[in-house]
Amino acid sequence: KACKGHVITLPQDVQQLADILPRFPKDLPVIVFIISGKNNDSKDFIVRKKVDDALYWLTGFHERGKPNNVLYQNVKIDSQSLQTLPENGMLTGVNTLECVDDDASDEPGIDTGPDNSENYEKVYHDESDMSSFL
């Protein structure tokens, strides 16, 4: 299931982020936006194992001795910070804003194309220019 909507990017000290990961949740200037479905759950926050696996892969090396990702080869994994992440569920100590979608489903919706809002207000009548093709 994909999330859609607006994204805001804020300036950060990238060097500090790149040296030691993960950061302590209390040090993150983020607002977490949660979408809860019919079961009032969110599968996006099974946290610690996913972060652990991703960081160890990013900072690791593959069988030919080359780094999996050269941009992360010098990053240190902070085990103490990693242990502060919940095994399952939401982070505590961060600002959250929750939006409940009662119509949410685990099934992806059908892509109906772009939303042409300007055409919703247009009224067609017998003098409107129209064309068709086969």
N, C-alpha and C. Protein backbone atom coordinates (compact mmCIF):
# COMPACT_ATOMS: atom_id res chain seq x y z
N LYS A 1 0.86 -1.17 0.00
CA LYS A 1 0.00 0.00 0.00
C LYS A 1 0.90 1.23 0.00
N ALA A 2 0.67 2.12 -0.89
CA ALA A 2 1.50 3.32 -1.00
C ALA A 2 0.85 4.49 -0.27
N CYS A 3 1.69 5.37 0.19
CA CYS A 3 1.21 6.62 0.78
C CYS A 3 1.26 7.68 -0.29
N LYS A 4 0.31 8.58 -0.29
CA LYS A 4 0.34 9.66 -1.26
C LYS A 4 -0.02 10.95 -0.54
N GLY A 5 0.41 12.05 -1.11
CA GLY A 5 0.12 13.33 -0.50
C GLY A 5 1.31 14.25 -0.61
N HIS A 6 1.33 15.26 0.21
CA HIS A 6 2.38 16.26 0.17
C HIS A 6 3.57 15.84 1.02
N VAL A 7 4.76 16.25 0.59
CA VAL A 7 5.98 16.00 1.33
C VAL A 7 6.69 17.32 1.53
N ILE A 8 7.22 17.53 2.71
CA ILE A 8 7.98 18.74 3.00
C ILE A 8 9.40 18.32 3.36
N THR A 9 10.38 18.93 2.71
CA THR A 9 11.77 18.67 3.02
C THR A 9 12.33 19.87 3.76
N LEU A 10 12.98 19.60 4.89
CA LEU A 10 13.54 20.66 5.71
C LEU A 10 15.05 20.59 5.67
N PRO A 11 15.72 21.75 5.76
CA PRO A 11 17.19 21.73 5.76
C PRO A 11 17.72 21.00 6.99
N GLN A 12 18.80 20.23 6.77
CA GLN A 12 19.40 19.47 7.86
C GLN A 12 20.92 19.50 7.73
N ASP A 13 21.60 19.22 8.84
CA ASP A 13 23.05 19.08 8.82
C ASP A 13 23.35 17.69 8.29
N VAL A 14 23.56 17.57 6.98
CA VAL A 14 23.70 16.28 6.33
C VAL A 14 24.93 15.53 6.82
N GLN A 15 26.02 16.21 7.09
CA GLN A 15 27.22 15.54 7.57
C GLN A 15 26.96 14.84 8.90
N GLN A 16 26.24 15.52 9.79
CA GLN A 16 25.91 14.91 11.07
C GLN A 16 25.04 13.67 10.87
N LEU A 17 24.09 13.73 9.96
CA LEU A 17 23.23 12.59 9.69
C LEU A 17 24.02 11.42 9.11
N ALA A 18 25.02 11.72 8.31
CA ALA A 18 25.74 10.67 7.60
C ALA A 18 26.80 9.98 8.44
N ASP A 19 27.24 10.55 9.55
CA ASP A 19 28.31 9.96 10.34
C ASP A 19 27.85 8.83 11.25
N ILE A 20 26.73 9.01 11.92
CA ILE A 20 26.23 8.02 12.87
C ILE A 20 24.73 7.86 12.65
N LEU A 21 24.29 6.62 12.47
CA LEU A 21 22.87 6.32 12.28
C LEU A 21 22.49 5.14 13.14
N PRO A 22 21.25 4.96 13.56
CA PRO A 22 20.18 5.95 13.44
C PRO A 22 20.32 7.02 14.52
N ARG A 23 19.66 8.12 14.32
CA ARG A 23 19.65 9.18 15.32
C ARG A 23 18.65 8.82 16.41
N PHE A 24 18.86 9.37 17.59
CA PHE A 24 17.90 9.16 18.67
C PHE A 24 16.58 9.82 18.27
N PRO A 25 15.46 9.13 18.44
CA PRO A 25 14.17 9.71 18.07
C PRO A 25 13.91 11.07 18.71
N LYS A 26 14.35 11.27 19.95
CA LYS A 26 14.12 12.55 20.63
C LYS A 26 14.88 13.69 19.96
N ASP A 27 15.91 13.38 19.17
CA ASP A 27 16.70 14.41 18.49
C ASP A 27 16.20 14.72 17.09
N LEU A 28 15.17 14.03 16.65
CA LEU A 28 14.65 14.23 15.29
C LEU A 28 13.60 15.33 15.26
N PRO A 29 13.77 16.32 14.40
CA PRO A 29 12.78 17.39 14.29
C PRO A 29 11.69 17.02 13.28
N VAL A 30 10.93 15.95 13.56
CA VAL A 30 9.95 15.48 12.59
C VAL A 30 8.56 15.44 13.19
N ILE A 31 7.60 15.47 12.31
CA ILE A 31 6.21 15.20 12.67
C ILE A 31 5.82 13.96 11.89
N VAL A 32 5.36 12.94 12.57
CA VAL A 32 4.97 11.70 11.93
C VAL A 32 3.48 11.79 11.61
N PHE A 33 3.13 11.55 10.37
CA PHE A 33 1.73 11.57 9.94
C PHE A 33 1.29 10.13 9.77
N ILE A 34 0.26 9.73 10.48
CA ILE A 34 -0.18 8.35 10.49
C ILE A 34 -1.52 8.25 9.77
N ILE A 35 -1.64 7.26 8.91
CA ILE A 35 -2.94 6.96 8.31
C ILE A 35 -3.37 5.61 8.86
N SER A 36 -4.47 5.58 9.56
CA SER A 36 -4.97 4.33 10.12
C SER A 36 -6.10 3.84 9.25
N GLY A 37 -6.12 2.55 9.00
CA GLY A 37 -7.13 1.97 8.14
C GLY A 37 -8.32 1.45 8.92
N LYS A 38 -9.08 0.58 8.28
CA LYS A 38 -10.28 0.02 8.89
C LYS A 38 -9.96 -0.70 10.19
N ASN A 39 -8.82 -1.35 10.24
CA ASN A 39 -8.43 -2.09 11.44
C ASN A 39 -7.71 -1.19 12.44
N ASN A 40 -7.67 0.12 12.15
CA ASN A 40 -7.00 1.10 13.00
C ASN A 40 -5.55 0.71 13.27
N ASP A 41 -4.88 0.24 12.20
CA ASP A 41 -3.48 -0.11 12.34
C ASP A 41 -2.69 0.51 11.19
N SER A 42 -1.41 0.51 11.34
CA SER A 42 -0.53 0.98 10.28
C SER A 42 0.65 0.03 10.22
N LYS A 43 0.86 -0.56 9.05
CA LYS A 43 1.94 -1.53 8.89
C LYS A 43 3.27 -0.85 8.58
N ASP A 44 3.30 0.49 8.56
CA ASP A 44 4.52 1.21 8.24
C ASP A 44 5.46 1.34 9.44
N PHE A 45 5.07 0.92 10.62
CA PHE A 45 5.86 1.21 11.80
C PHE A 45 6.31 -0.04 12.55
N ILE A 46 6.71 -1.06 11.82
CA ILE A 46 7.41 -2.19 12.42
C ILE A 46 8.87 -1.81 12.28
N VAL A 47 9.38 -1.13 13.29
CA VAL A 47 10.53 -0.26 13.14
C VAL A 47 11.90 -0.91 13.26
N ARG A 48 12.25 -1.40 14.42
CA ARG A 48 13.66 -1.68 14.73
C ARG A 48 14.32 -2.67 13.77
N LYS A 49 13.70 -3.78 13.48
CA LYS A 49 14.30 -4.80 12.60
C LYS A 49 14.55 -4.25 11.21
N LYS A 50 13.61 -3.48 10.67
CA LYS A 50 13.78 -2.92 9.33
C LYS A 50 14.94 -1.92 9.29
N VAL A 51 15.03 -1.06 10.29
CA VAL A 51 16.12 -0.08 10.35
C VAL A 51 17.46 -0.81 10.51
N ASP A 52 17.50 -1.79 11.39
CA ASP A 52 18.71 -2.57 11.63
C ASP A 52 19.17 -3.25 10.35
N ASP A 53 18.26 -3.96 9.68
CA ASP A 53 18.61 -4.65 8.43
C ASP A 53 19.11 -3.68 7.37
N ALA A 54 18.42 -2.56 7.21
CA ALA A 54 18.79 -1.58 6.19
C ALA A 54 20.17 -0.99 6.46
N LEU A 55 20.43 -0.61 7.71
CA LEU A 55 21.73 -0.01 8.04
C LEU A 55 22.88 -1.00 7.89
N TYR A 56 22.69 -2.23 8.34
CA TYR A 56 23.76 -3.22 8.20
C TYR A 56 24.03 -3.54 6.73
N TRP A 57 23.00 -3.55 5.91
CA TRP A 57 23.24 -3.77 4.47
C TRP A 57 23.95 -2.57 3.85
N LEU A 58 23.45 -1.37 4.13
CA LEU A 58 24.05 -0.16 3.55
C LEU A 58 25.52 0.01 3.94
N THR A 59 25.87 -0.33 5.17
CA THR A 59 27.24 -0.13 5.64
C THR A 59 28.12 -1.35 5.41
N GLY A 60 27.54 -2.42 4.91
CA GLY A 60 28.29 -3.67 4.73
C GLY A 60 28.95 -3.80 3.36
N PHE A 61 29.53 -4.97 3.15
CA PHE A 61 30.26 -5.26 1.92
C PHE A 61 29.70 -6.52 1.29
N HIS A 62 29.72 -6.57 -0.05
CA HIS A 62 29.25 -7.79 -0.70
C HIS A 62 30.42 -8.73 -0.93
N GLU A 63 30.15 -9.90 -1.48
CA GLU A 63 31.13 -10.99 -1.56
C GLU A 63 32.43 -10.62 -2.28
N ARG A 64 32.42 -9.64 -3.16
CA ARG A 64 33.64 -9.25 -3.88
C ARG A 64 34.46 -8.22 -3.10
N GLY A 65 34.05 -7.93 -1.87
CA GLY A 65 34.81 -7.02 -1.03
C GLY A 65 34.50 -5.55 -1.24
N LYS A 66 33.56 -5.25 -2.13
CA LYS A 66 33.19 -3.85 -2.37
C LYS A 66 32.03 -3.48 -1.46
N PRO A 67 31.96 -2.19 -1.06
CA PRO A 67 30.84 -1.78 -0.19
C PRO A 67 29.51 -1.89 -0.93
N ASN A 68 28.47 -2.25 -0.21
CA ASN A 68 27.13 -2.28 -0.80
C ASN A 68 26.71 -0.90 -1.28
N ASN A 69 27.10 0.13 -0.54
CA ASN A 69 26.80 1.50 -0.92
C ASN A 69 27.96 2.37 -0.45
N VAL A 70 28.73 2.90 -1.39
CA VAL A 70 29.93 3.67 -1.04
C VAL A 70 29.60 4.90 -0.21
N LEU A 71 28.41 5.44 -0.34
CA LEU A 71 28.03 6.62 0.43
C LEU A 71 27.87 6.32 1.91
N TYR A 72 27.71 5.05 2.27
CA TYR A 72 27.51 4.66 3.66
C TYR A 72 28.69 3.88 4.23
N GLN A 73 29.78 3.73 3.49
CA GLN A 73 30.86 2.86 3.94
C GLN A 73 31.55 3.34 5.22
N ASN A 74 31.49 4.64 5.53
CA ASN A 74 32.12 5.16 6.74
C ASN A 74 31.12 5.51 7.84
N VAL A 75 29.87 5.17 7.63
CA VAL A 75 28.83 5.46 8.63
C VAL A 75 28.92 4.45 9.76
N LYS A 76 28.84 4.93 10.97
CA LYS A 76 28.85 4.08 12.17
C LYS A 76 27.40 3.83 12.61
N ILE A 77 27.12 2.59 12.97
CA ILE A 77 25.80 2.25 13.47
C ILE A 77 25.81 2.39 14.99
N ASP A 78 24.93 3.20 15.51
CA ASP A 78 24.83 3.45 16.95
C ASP A 78 23.84 2.43 17.54
N SER A 79 24.38 1.37 18.13
CA SER A 79 23.54 0.30 18.69
C SER A 79 22.64 0.81 19.81
N GLN A 80 23.13 1.73 20.61
CA GLN A 80 22.32 2.28 21.71
C GLN A 80 21.11 3.04 21.15
N SER A 81 21.33 3.81 20.11
CA SER A 81 20.23 4.54 19.47
C SER A 81 19.25 3.57 18.82
N LEU A 82 19.78 2.53 18.20
CA LEU A 82 18.94 1.52 17.56
C LEU A 82 18.02 0.85 18.58
N GLN A 83 18.53 0.61 19.79
CA GLN A 83 17.73 -0.03 20.83
C GLN A 83 16.62 0.86 21.36
N THR A 84 16.69 2.18 21.10
CA THR A 84 15.62 3.07 21.55
C THR A 84 14.40 3.01 20.62
N LEU A 85 14.57 2.42 19.44
CA LEU A 85 13.44 2.29 18.52
C LEU A 85 12.53 1.16 19.01
N PRO A 86 11.22 1.34 18.90
CA PRO A 86 10.32 0.26 19.31
C PRO A 86 10.44 -0.92 18.34
N GLU A 87 10.25 -2.13 18.87
CA GLU A 87 10.27 -3.30 17.99
C GLU A 87 9.09 -3.24 17.04
N ASN A 88 7.95 -2.86 17.54
CA ASN A 88 6.74 -2.70 16.74
C ASN A 88 6.01 -1.48 17.26
N GLY A 89 5.46 -0.71 16.36
CA GLY A 89 4.64 0.42 16.79
C GLY A 89 5.31 1.75 16.57
N MET A 90 4.65 2.77 17.08
CA MET A 90 5.08 4.15 16.87
C MET A 90 6.21 4.53 17.80
N LEU A 91 7.02 5.47 17.32
CA LEU A 91 8.03 6.09 18.17
C LEU A 91 7.33 6.90 19.25
N THR A 92 7.96 6.98 20.39
CA THR A 92 7.43 7.85 21.44
C THR A 92 8.33 9.07 21.52
N GLY A 93 7.78 10.16 21.98
CA GLY A 93 8.57 11.38 22.14
C GLY A 93 8.72 12.19 20.87
N VAL A 94 7.94 11.89 19.83
CA VAL A 94 7.96 12.71 18.62
C VAL A 94 6.55 13.25 18.40
N ASN A 95 6.47 14.41 17.76
CA ASN A 95 5.16 15.00 17.47
C ASN A 95 4.44 14.15 16.45
N THR A 96 3.17 13.88 16.69
CA THR A 96 2.39 13.09 15.74
C THR A 96 1.08 13.80 15.41
N LEU A 97 0.62 13.55 14.22
CA LEU A 97 -0.67 14.04 13.74
C LEU A 97 -1.34 12.84 13.10
N GLU A 98 -2.51 12.48 13.58
CA GLU A 98 -3.15 11.28 13.08
C GLU A 98 -4.37 11.61 12.24
N CYS A 99 -4.50 10.92 11.13
CA CYS A 99 -5.65 11.06 10.24
C CYS A 99 -6.24 9.67 10.06
N VAL A 100 -7.48 9.49 10.44
CA VAL A 100 -8.13 8.20 10.32
C VAL A 100 -8.92 8.16 9.03
N ASP A 101 -8.66 7.16 8.22
CA ASP A 101 -9.36 6.97 6.95
C ASP A 101 -10.25 5.74 7.10
N ASP A 102 -11.54 5.96 7.37
CA ASP A 102 -12.46 4.84 7.58
C ASP A 102 -12.67 4.01 6.33
N ASP A 103 -12.42 4.59 5.16
CA ASP A 103 -12.61 3.86 3.91
C ASP A 103 -11.34 3.16 3.46
N ALA A 104 -10.29 3.24 4.25
CA ALA A 104 -9.01 2.67 3.84
C ALA A 104 -9.14 1.16 3.70
N SER A 105 -8.41 0.64 2.76
CA SER A 105 -8.40 -0.78 2.50
C SER A 105 -6.96 -1.22 2.29
N ASP A 106 -6.69 -2.48 2.55
CA ASP A 106 -5.35 -3.00 2.29
C ASP A 106 -5.13 -3.22 0.80
N GLU A 107 -6.20 -3.21 0.03
CA GLU A 107 -6.09 -3.39 -1.41
C GLU A 107 -5.79 -2.06 -2.09
N PRO A 108 -4.84 -2.05 -3.04
CA PRO A 108 -4.56 -0.80 -3.74
C PRO A 108 -5.74 -0.41 -4.62
N GLY A 109 -5.96 0.88 -4.75
CA GLY A 109 -7.04 1.37 -5.59
C GLY A 109 -6.66 1.36 -7.06
N ILE A 110 -7.62 1.56 -7.90
CA ILE A 110 -7.39 1.63 -9.34
C ILE A 110 -6.91 3.02 -9.68
N ASP A 111 -5.85 3.10 -10.48
CA ASP A 111 -5.32 4.39 -10.92
C ASP A 111 -6.27 4.96 -11.97
N THR A 112 -6.93 6.05 -11.64
CA THR A 112 -7.88 6.66 -12.57
C THR A 112 -7.27 7.83 -13.32
N GLY A 113 -5.97 8.01 -13.20
CA GLY A 113 -5.31 9.10 -13.91
C GLY A 113 -5.33 10.38 -13.12
N PRO A 114 -4.84 11.45 -13.76
CA PRO A 114 -4.75 12.73 -13.04
C PRO A 114 -6.12 13.31 -12.73
N ASP A 115 -6.16 14.10 -11.70
CA ASP A 115 -7.37 14.79 -11.28
C ASP A 115 -7.44 16.11 -12.04
N ASN A 116 -8.35 16.22 -12.96
CA ASN A 116 -8.51 17.44 -13.75
C ASN A 116 -9.61 18.29 -13.13
N SER A 117 -9.30 18.88 -12.00
CA SER A 117 -10.30 19.62 -11.23
C SER A 117 -10.93 20.77 -11.99
N GLU A 118 -10.16 21.41 -12.88
CA GLU A 118 -10.73 22.56 -13.59
C GLU A 118 -11.89 22.16 -14.50
N ASN A 119 -11.96 20.89 -14.91
CA ASN A 119 -13.04 20.44 -15.78
C ASN A 119 -14.32 20.11 -15.00
N TYR A 120 -14.24 19.97 -13.68
CA TYR A 120 -15.42 19.63 -12.90
C TYR A 120 -16.45 20.76 -12.91
N GLU A 121 -16.01 21.97 -13.02
CA GLU A 121 -16.90 23.12 -12.98
C GLU A 121 -17.46 23.47 -14.36
N LYS A 122 -16.89 22.88 -15.41
CA LYS A 122 -17.29 23.23 -16.77
C LYS A 122 -18.68 22.66 -17.08
N VAL A 123 -19.53 23.49 -17.65
CA VAL A 123 -20.88 23.07 -18.01
C VAL A 123 -20.94 22.90 -19.52
N TYR A 124 -21.38 21.73 -19.98
CA TYR A 124 -21.52 21.47 -21.41
C TYR A 124 -22.98 21.64 -21.80
N HIS A 125 -23.18 22.27 -22.96
CA HIS A 125 -24.54 22.43 -23.49
C HIS A 125 -24.45 22.34 -25.01
N ASP A 126 -25.57 22.58 -25.71
CA ASP A 126 -25.62 22.37 -27.16
C ASP A 126 -24.71 23.30 -27.94
N GLU A 127 -24.22 24.39 -27.36
CA GLU A 127 -23.31 25.29 -28.07
C GLU A 127 -21.84 25.07 -27.70
N SER A 128 -21.55 24.08 -26.88
CA SER A 128 -20.16 23.80 -26.47
C SER A 128 -19.40 23.16 -27.62
N ASP A 129 -18.12 23.56 -27.77
CA ASP A 129 -17.24 22.92 -28.75
C ASP A 129 -16.88 21.54 -28.24
N MET A 130 -17.12 20.53 -29.07
CA MET A 130 -16.78 19.16 -28.72
C MET A 130 -16.25 18.47 -29.95
N SER A 131 -15.45 17.43 -29.73
CA SER A 131 -14.95 16.63 -30.84
C SER A 131 -14.93 15.18 -30.41
N SER A 132 -14.86 14.30 -31.38
CA SER A 132 -14.77 12.88 -31.08
C SER A 132 -13.91 12.21 -32.13
N PHE A 133 -13.43 11.03 -31.82
CA PHE A 133 -12.64 10.27 -32.78
C PHE A 133 -12.93 8.79 -32.57
N LEU A 134 -12.61 8.01 -33.59
CA LEU A 134 -12.79 6.55 -33.49
C LEU A 134 -11.46 5.87 -33.59
